[in-house]
Amino acid sequence: MFSITVRDHVMVAHSFRGEVFGPAQRLHGATFVVDARFKRTDLDPDNIVVDIGLATQRLRAVLDGLNYRNLDDEPAFAGVNTSTEFLARHIADRLAEDVLAGELGEHARGLAGIEVTLHESHVAWASYERAL
């Protein structure tokens, strides 16, 4: 399996419901380093996994929809604990939509999967991987 990874970051505010979250039940900020890994079994006709420039642009576009937002106020996340794991899936799903819409180039339709990792800190991160 071949892969390329592009990286960016996003800054959000949010709170959680549930005792398991302790003090994070209160509104707090989070800055995530975001890695988006694109995978395929064979290289495309240009001998690449995906256009890195387009992958970087699309990741930034997806993150722009979250950046500097209080996720508690976003209708799409009403009643949802926007955990790191949840956000990794949300971002992966948006990138998958972009792939299927041709936003990463026609050859990107040959991708096998996407994995998104959100790094909460240098010691903790969460990932979500999905097939295409």
N, C-alpha and C. Protein backbone atom coordinates (compact mmCIF):
# COMPACT_ATOMS: atom_id res chain seq x y z
N MET A 1 0.86 -1.18 0.00
CA MET A 1 0.00 0.00 0.00
C MET A 1 0.89 1.23 0.00
N PHE A 2 0.64 2.14 -0.92
CA PHE A 2 1.34 3.42 -0.97
C PHE A 2 0.54 4.45 -0.19
N SER A 3 1.23 5.46 0.33
CA SER A 3 0.51 6.53 1.02
C SER A 3 1.31 7.82 0.98
N ILE A 4 0.59 8.92 1.09
CA ILE A 4 1.19 10.24 1.34
C ILE A 4 0.39 10.86 2.47
N THR A 5 1.05 11.72 3.21
CA THR A 5 0.40 12.41 4.33
C THR A 5 0.65 13.90 4.19
N VAL A 6 -0.40 14.68 4.39
CA VAL A 6 -0.28 16.13 4.46
C VAL A 6 -0.71 16.56 5.85
N ARG A 7 -0.18 17.68 6.30
CA ARG A 7 -0.41 18.13 7.68
C ARG A 7 -0.84 19.59 7.70
N ASP A 8 -1.72 19.90 8.66
CA ASP A 8 -2.16 21.26 8.90
C ASP A 8 -2.56 21.32 10.38
N HIS A 9 -3.25 22.36 10.76
CA HIS A 9 -3.73 22.45 12.14
C HIS A 9 -5.06 23.19 12.17
N VAL A 10 -5.76 23.04 13.29
CA VAL A 10 -7.05 23.69 13.46
C VAL A 10 -7.21 24.07 14.94
N MET A 11 -7.84 25.21 15.19
CA MET A 11 -8.10 25.68 16.56
C MET A 11 -9.60 25.81 16.75
N VAL A 12 -10.11 25.13 17.78
CA VAL A 12 -11.54 25.14 18.06
C VAL A 12 -11.78 25.37 19.54
N ALA A 13 -13.02 25.67 19.86
CA ALA A 13 -13.50 25.67 21.24
C ALA A 13 -14.67 24.70 21.29
N HIS A 14 -14.84 24.04 22.43
CA HIS A 14 -15.96 23.12 22.60
C HIS A 14 -16.03 22.69 24.06
N SER A 15 -17.11 22.03 24.40
CA SER A 15 -17.27 21.45 25.73
C SER A 15 -17.89 20.07 25.56
N PHE A 16 -17.85 19.29 26.62
CA PHE A 16 -18.37 17.93 26.58
C PHE A 16 -19.42 17.71 27.65
N ARG A 17 -20.28 16.75 27.41
CA ARG A 17 -21.26 16.31 28.40
C ARG A 17 -20.87 14.93 28.87
N GLY A 18 -20.88 14.72 30.17
CA GLY A 18 -20.59 13.41 30.74
C GLY A 18 -19.45 13.46 31.74
N GLU A 19 -19.64 12.76 32.82
CA GLU A 19 -18.66 12.74 33.91
C GLU A 19 -17.28 12.28 33.44
N VAL A 20 -17.23 11.40 32.45
CA VAL A 20 -15.95 10.88 31.97
C VAL A 20 -15.01 12.00 31.50
N PHE A 21 -15.57 13.15 31.15
CA PHE A 21 -14.77 14.25 30.62
C PHE A 21 -14.24 15.19 31.69
N GLY A 22 -14.64 15.00 32.94
CA GLY A 22 -14.10 15.82 34.03
C GLY A 22 -14.18 17.30 33.73
N PRO A 23 -13.06 18.02 33.92
CA PRO A 23 -13.08 19.48 33.72
C PRO A 23 -13.32 19.89 32.26
N ALA A 24 -13.16 18.97 31.31
CA ALA A 24 -13.40 19.30 29.90
C ALA A 24 -14.88 19.48 29.61
N GLN A 25 -15.73 19.26 30.62
CA GLN A 25 -17.15 19.55 30.45
C GLN A 25 -17.37 21.05 30.31
N ARG A 26 -16.44 21.82 30.82
CA ARG A 26 -16.52 23.28 30.66
C ARG A 26 -15.97 23.66 29.28
N LEU A 27 -16.40 24.80 28.78
CA LEU A 27 -15.90 25.30 27.51
C LEU A 27 -14.38 25.45 27.59
N HIS A 28 -13.69 24.93 26.58
CA HIS A 28 -12.24 25.03 26.52
C HIS A 28 -11.78 25.06 25.07
N GLY A 29 -10.57 25.48 24.88
CA GLY A 29 -10.01 25.53 23.54
C GLY A 29 -9.14 24.32 23.27
N ALA A 30 -8.99 23.99 22.00
CA ALA A 30 -8.12 22.91 21.59
C ALA A 30 -7.46 23.28 20.27
N THR A 31 -6.18 22.99 20.17
CA THR A 31 -5.45 23.14 18.92
C THR A 31 -4.97 21.76 18.53
N PHE A 32 -5.38 21.33 17.36
CA PHE A 32 -5.03 20.00 16.86
C PHE A 32 -4.08 20.13 15.67
N VAL A 33 -3.03 19.35 15.67
CA VAL A 33 -2.24 19.13 14.46
C VAL A 33 -2.96 18.00 13.74
N VAL A 34 -3.26 18.21 12.47
CA VAL A 34 -4.07 17.26 11.70
C VAL A 34 -3.25 16.65 10.57
N ASP A 35 -3.15 15.33 10.58
CA ASP A 35 -2.51 14.60 9.49
C ASP A 35 -3.59 13.89 8.68
N ALA A 36 -3.55 14.07 7.37
CA ALA A 36 -4.46 13.35 6.47
C ALA A 36 -3.60 12.45 5.59
N ARG A 37 -3.81 11.16 5.74
CA ARG A 37 -3.03 10.16 4.99
C ARG A 37 -3.92 9.56 3.90
N PHE A 38 -3.45 9.63 2.67
CA PHE A 38 -4.17 9.09 1.52
C PHE A 38 -3.46 7.83 1.07
N LYS A 39 -4.24 6.74 0.83
CA LYS A 39 -3.64 5.44 0.51
C LYS A 39 -4.20 4.87 -0.79
N ARG A 40 -3.34 4.12 -1.46
CA ARG A 40 -3.79 3.39 -2.64
C ARG A 40 -2.86 2.20 -2.85
N THR A 41 -3.41 1.18 -3.49
CA THR A 41 -2.64 -0.05 -3.70
C THR A 41 -1.64 0.10 -4.83
N ASP A 42 -1.98 0.85 -5.87
CA ASP A 42 -1.09 1.08 -7.01
C ASP A 42 -1.00 2.58 -7.28
N LEU A 43 0.13 3.02 -7.76
CA LEU A 43 0.27 4.43 -8.11
C LEU A 43 -0.58 4.76 -9.32
N ASP A 44 -0.95 6.03 -9.42
CA ASP A 44 -1.78 6.45 -10.56
C ASP A 44 -0.90 6.56 -11.82
N PRO A 45 -1.46 6.95 -12.97
CA PRO A 45 -0.66 7.03 -14.20
C PRO A 45 0.54 7.98 -14.12
N ASP A 46 0.51 8.93 -13.16
CA ASP A 46 1.64 9.85 -12.98
C ASP A 46 2.64 9.33 -11.94
N ASN A 47 2.42 8.09 -11.45
CA ASN A 47 3.26 7.47 -10.44
C ASN A 47 3.22 8.19 -9.09
N ILE A 48 2.04 8.68 -8.75
CA ILE A 48 1.83 9.31 -7.44
C ILE A 48 0.60 8.71 -6.78
N VAL A 49 0.49 8.94 -5.47
CA VAL A 49 -0.71 8.52 -4.74
C VAL A 49 -1.83 9.50 -5.03
N VAL A 50 -1.54 10.77 -4.83
CA VAL A 50 -2.50 11.85 -5.08
C VAL A 50 -1.69 13.14 -5.19
N ASP A 51 -2.22 14.12 -5.86
CA ASP A 51 -1.56 15.42 -5.98
C ASP A 51 -1.44 16.03 -4.59
N ILE A 52 -0.21 16.17 -4.10
CA ILE A 52 0.01 16.68 -2.74
C ILE A 52 -0.52 18.10 -2.59
N GLY A 53 -0.36 18.90 -3.63
CA GLY A 53 -0.86 20.28 -3.56
C GLY A 53 -2.37 20.32 -3.39
N LEU A 54 -3.09 19.50 -4.16
CA LEU A 54 -4.55 19.45 -4.04
C LEU A 54 -4.96 18.87 -2.69
N ALA A 55 -4.24 17.85 -2.22
CA ALA A 55 -4.56 17.26 -0.91
C ALA A 55 -4.39 18.30 0.19
N THR A 56 -3.34 19.09 0.11
CA THR A 56 -3.09 20.14 1.10
C THR A 56 -4.19 21.20 1.05
N GLN A 57 -4.57 21.61 -0.16
CA GLN A 57 -5.63 22.61 -0.32
C GLN A 57 -6.97 22.11 0.23
N ARG A 58 -7.32 20.85 -0.05
CA ARG A 58 -8.61 20.32 0.40
C ARG A 58 -8.63 20.15 1.90
N LEU A 59 -7.51 19.71 2.49
CA LEU A 59 -7.46 19.60 3.95
C LEU A 59 -7.67 20.98 4.57
N ARG A 60 -7.02 22.01 4.04
CA ARG A 60 -7.18 23.36 4.57
C ARG A 60 -8.63 23.81 4.43
N ALA A 61 -9.27 23.51 3.30
CA ALA A 61 -10.66 23.91 3.09
C ALA A 61 -11.58 23.24 4.11
N VAL A 62 -11.36 21.96 4.38
CA VAL A 62 -12.17 21.26 5.38
C VAL A 62 -11.95 21.87 6.76
N LEU A 63 -10.70 22.13 7.11
CA LEU A 63 -10.40 22.69 8.42
C LEU A 63 -10.91 24.11 8.58
N ASP A 64 -10.95 24.86 7.47
CA ASP A 64 -11.49 26.23 7.53
C ASP A 64 -12.93 26.24 8.02
N GLY A 65 -13.67 25.17 7.78
CA GLY A 65 -15.04 25.07 8.26
C GLY A 65 -15.15 24.89 9.77
N LEU A 66 -14.02 24.57 10.41
CA LEU A 66 -13.99 24.36 11.86
C LEU A 66 -13.16 25.40 12.60
N ASN A 67 -12.21 25.99 11.92
CA ASN A 67 -11.20 26.83 12.54
C ASN A 67 -11.79 28.06 13.23
N TYR A 68 -11.31 28.31 14.45
CA TYR A 68 -11.74 29.46 15.26
C TYR A 68 -13.24 29.46 15.52
N ARG A 69 -13.83 28.27 15.62
CA ARG A 69 -15.26 28.16 15.88
C ARG A 69 -15.49 27.51 17.23
N ASN A 70 -16.57 27.92 17.88
CA ASN A 70 -17.05 27.19 19.06
C ASN A 70 -17.96 26.11 18.50
N LEU A 71 -17.51 24.88 18.54
CA LEU A 71 -18.26 23.79 17.94
C LEU A 71 -19.60 23.57 18.63
N ASP A 72 -19.71 24.01 19.87
CA ASP A 72 -21.00 23.91 20.58
C ASP A 72 -22.08 24.74 19.90
N ASP A 73 -21.67 25.77 19.17
CA ASP A 73 -22.62 26.67 18.50
C ASP A 73 -22.92 26.27 17.06
N GLU A 74 -22.25 25.25 16.56
CA GLU A 74 -22.43 24.83 15.17
C GLU A 74 -23.61 23.87 15.05
N PRO A 75 -24.62 24.20 14.24
CA PRO A 75 -25.80 23.33 14.10
C PRO A 75 -25.46 21.88 13.71
N ALA A 76 -24.42 21.69 12.93
CA ALA A 76 -24.05 20.33 12.50
C ALA A 76 -23.60 19.46 13.68
N PHE A 77 -23.21 20.09 14.78
CA PHE A 77 -22.72 19.34 15.93
C PHE A 77 -23.64 19.45 17.15
N ALA A 78 -24.87 19.88 16.94
CA ALA A 78 -25.81 20.04 18.05
C ALA A 78 -26.00 18.72 18.79
N GLY A 79 -25.79 18.75 20.09
CA GLY A 79 -25.99 17.57 20.93
C GLY A 79 -24.92 16.51 20.80
N VAL A 80 -23.79 16.84 20.16
CA VAL A 80 -22.73 15.86 19.91
C VAL A 80 -21.51 16.22 20.75
N ASN A 81 -20.90 15.22 21.38
CA ASN A 81 -19.59 15.41 22.00
C ASN A 81 -18.55 15.38 20.88
N THR A 82 -17.99 16.53 20.58
CA THR A 82 -17.03 16.63 19.48
C THR A 82 -15.64 16.20 19.96
N SER A 83 -15.54 14.93 20.32
CA SER A 83 -14.28 14.36 20.79
C SER A 83 -13.25 14.36 19.66
N THR A 84 -12.02 14.12 20.02
CA THR A 84 -10.96 14.04 19.03
C THR A 84 -11.28 12.95 18.01
N GLU A 85 -11.76 11.81 18.49
CA GLU A 85 -12.11 10.70 17.61
C GLU A 85 -13.23 11.10 16.65
N PHE A 86 -14.25 11.76 17.17
CA PHE A 86 -15.37 12.21 16.35
C PHE A 86 -14.89 13.18 15.27
N LEU A 87 -14.05 14.13 15.65
CA LEU A 87 -13.56 15.12 14.69
C LEU A 87 -12.68 14.47 13.62
N ALA A 88 -11.91 13.46 13.99
CA ALA A 88 -11.10 12.75 12.99
C ALA A 88 -12.01 12.12 11.93
N ARG A 89 -13.11 11.52 12.37
CA ARG A 89 -14.05 10.93 11.41
C ARG A 89 -14.71 12.01 10.56
N HIS A 90 -15.12 13.08 11.19
CA HIS A 90 -15.76 14.19 10.46
C HIS A 90 -14.84 14.69 9.34
N ILE A 91 -13.58 14.92 9.65
CA ILE A 91 -12.64 15.43 8.66
C ILE A 91 -12.40 14.39 7.56
N ALA A 92 -12.23 13.13 7.94
CA ALA A 92 -12.03 12.07 6.94
C ALA A 92 -13.23 11.97 6.00
N ASP A 93 -14.42 12.07 6.55
CA ASP A 93 -15.63 11.98 5.72
C ASP A 93 -15.72 13.16 4.75
N ARG A 94 -15.35 14.37 5.20
CA ARG A 94 -15.38 15.52 4.30
C ARG A 94 -14.35 15.35 3.18
N LEU A 95 -13.16 14.85 3.53
CA LEU A 95 -12.14 14.62 2.50
C LEU A 95 -12.60 13.55 1.52
N ALA A 96 -13.25 12.51 2.01
CA ALA A 96 -13.78 11.46 1.13
C ALA A 96 -14.80 12.05 0.16
N GLU A 97 -15.66 12.94 0.63
CA GLU A 97 -16.62 13.60 -0.25
C GLU A 97 -15.88 14.38 -1.34
N ASP A 98 -14.79 15.05 -0.96
CA ASP A 98 -14.01 15.80 -1.94
C ASP A 98 -13.40 14.87 -2.99
N VAL A 99 -12.88 13.72 -2.55
CA VAL A 99 -12.31 12.75 -3.49
C VAL A 99 -13.38 12.31 -4.49
N LEU A 100 -14.53 11.93 -3.98
CA LEU A 100 -15.61 11.43 -4.84
C LEU A 100 -16.14 12.50 -5.79
N ALA A 101 -16.04 13.78 -5.37
CA ALA A 101 -16.49 14.89 -6.21
C ALA A 101 -15.42 15.32 -7.22
N GLY A 102 -14.25 14.69 -7.18
CA GLY A 102 -13.19 15.04 -8.12
C GLY A 102 -12.33 16.22 -7.71
N GLU A 103 -12.48 16.69 -6.47
CA GLU A 103 -11.75 17.87 -6.01
C GLU A 103 -10.25 17.63 -5.84
N LEU A 104 -9.83 16.37 -5.78
CA LEU A 104 -8.41 16.05 -5.66
C LEU A 104 -7.87 15.49 -6.97
N GLY A 105 -8.58 15.73 -8.05
CA GLY A 105 -8.17 15.26 -9.37
C GLY A 105 -8.85 13.96 -9.72
N GLU A 106 -8.96 13.71 -11.01
CA GLU A 106 -9.66 12.54 -11.50
C GLU A 106 -9.01 11.24 -11.03
N HIS A 107 -7.68 11.20 -11.01
CA HIS A 107 -6.99 9.97 -10.61
C HIS A 107 -7.16 9.66 -9.12
N ALA A 108 -7.53 10.64 -8.33
CA ALA A 108 -7.73 10.40 -6.89
C ALA A 108 -8.89 9.45 -6.64
N ARG A 109 -9.75 9.28 -7.64
CA ARG A 109 -10.85 8.33 -7.48
C ARG A 109 -10.34 6.90 -7.29
N GLY A 110 -9.05 6.66 -7.59
CA GLY A 110 -8.44 5.36 -7.39
C GLY A 110 -7.88 5.14 -5.99
N LEU A 111 -8.06 6.13 -5.12
CA LEU A 111 -7.58 5.95 -3.74
C LEU A 111 -8.34 4.82 -3.06
N ALA A 112 -7.64 4.11 -2.20
CA ALA A 112 -8.25 3.00 -1.45
C ALA A 112 -8.78 3.45 -0.10
N GLY A 113 -8.17 4.49 0.48
CA GLY A 113 -8.61 4.91 1.80
C GLY A 113 -7.97 6.20 2.25
N ILE A 114 -8.53 6.71 3.33
CA ILE A 114 -8.05 7.93 3.98
C ILE A 114 -7.96 7.65 5.47
N GLU A 115 -6.89 8.12 6.08
CA GLU A 115 -6.77 8.07 7.54
C GLU A 115 -6.47 9.47 8.03
N VAL A 116 -7.24 9.94 9.00
CA VAL A 116 -7.03 11.26 9.58
C VAL A 116 -6.64 11.08 11.04
N THR A 117 -5.56 11.74 11.44
CA THR A 117 -5.09 11.72 12.82
C THR A 117 -5.09 13.13 13.36
N LEU A 118 -5.70 13.32 14.52
CA LEU A 118 -5.67 14.59 15.22
C LEU A 118 -4.78 14.43 16.44
N HIS A 119 -3.71 15.22 16.48
CA HIS A 119 -2.78 15.21 17.60
C HIS A 119 -3.23 16.28 18.60
N GLU A 120 -3.68 15.82 19.78
CA GLU A 120 -4.08 16.75 20.84
C GLU A 120 -2.87 17.38 21.50
N SER A 121 -1.80 16.61 21.57
CA SER A 121 -0.56 17.06 22.20
C SER A 121 0.55 16.15 21.70
N HIS A 122 1.73 16.31 22.26
CA HIS A 122 2.85 15.47 21.85
C HIS A 122 2.75 14.06 22.44
N VAL A 123 1.78 13.82 23.32
CA VAL A 123 1.64 12.50 23.94
C VAL A 123 0.29 11.84 23.70
N ALA A 124 -0.63 12.50 23.00
CA ALA A 124 -1.96 11.92 22.81
C ALA A 124 -2.54 12.33 21.46
N TRP A 125 -3.10 11.33 20.75
CA TRP A 125 -3.75 11.59 19.46
C TRP A 125 -4.77 10.51 19.19
N ALA A 126 -5.63 10.78 18.22
CA ALA A 126 -6.67 9.82 17.83
C ALA A 126 -6.77 9.83 16.31
N SER A 127 -7.15 8.68 15.75
CA SER A 127 -7.24 8.54 14.30
C SER A 127 -8.55 7.89 13.90
N TYR A 128 -8.91 8.14 12.65
CA TYR A 128 -10.05 7.46 12.03
C TYR A 128 -9.61 7.10 10.62
N GLU A 129 -9.86 5.86 10.25
CA GLU A 129 -9.51 5.38 8.91
C GLU A 129 -10.75 4.87 8.22
N ARG A 130 -10.89 5.22 6.96
CA ARG A 130 -12.04 4.77 6.19
C ARG A 130 -11.63 4.38 4.78
N ALA A 131 -12.37 3.45 4.24
CA ALA A 131 -12.17 3.03 2.85
C ALA A 131 -12.87 4.01 1.92
N LEU A 132 -12.43 4.00 0.68
CA LEU A 132 -13.10 4.82 -0.35
C LEU A 132 -13.67 3.90 -1.41
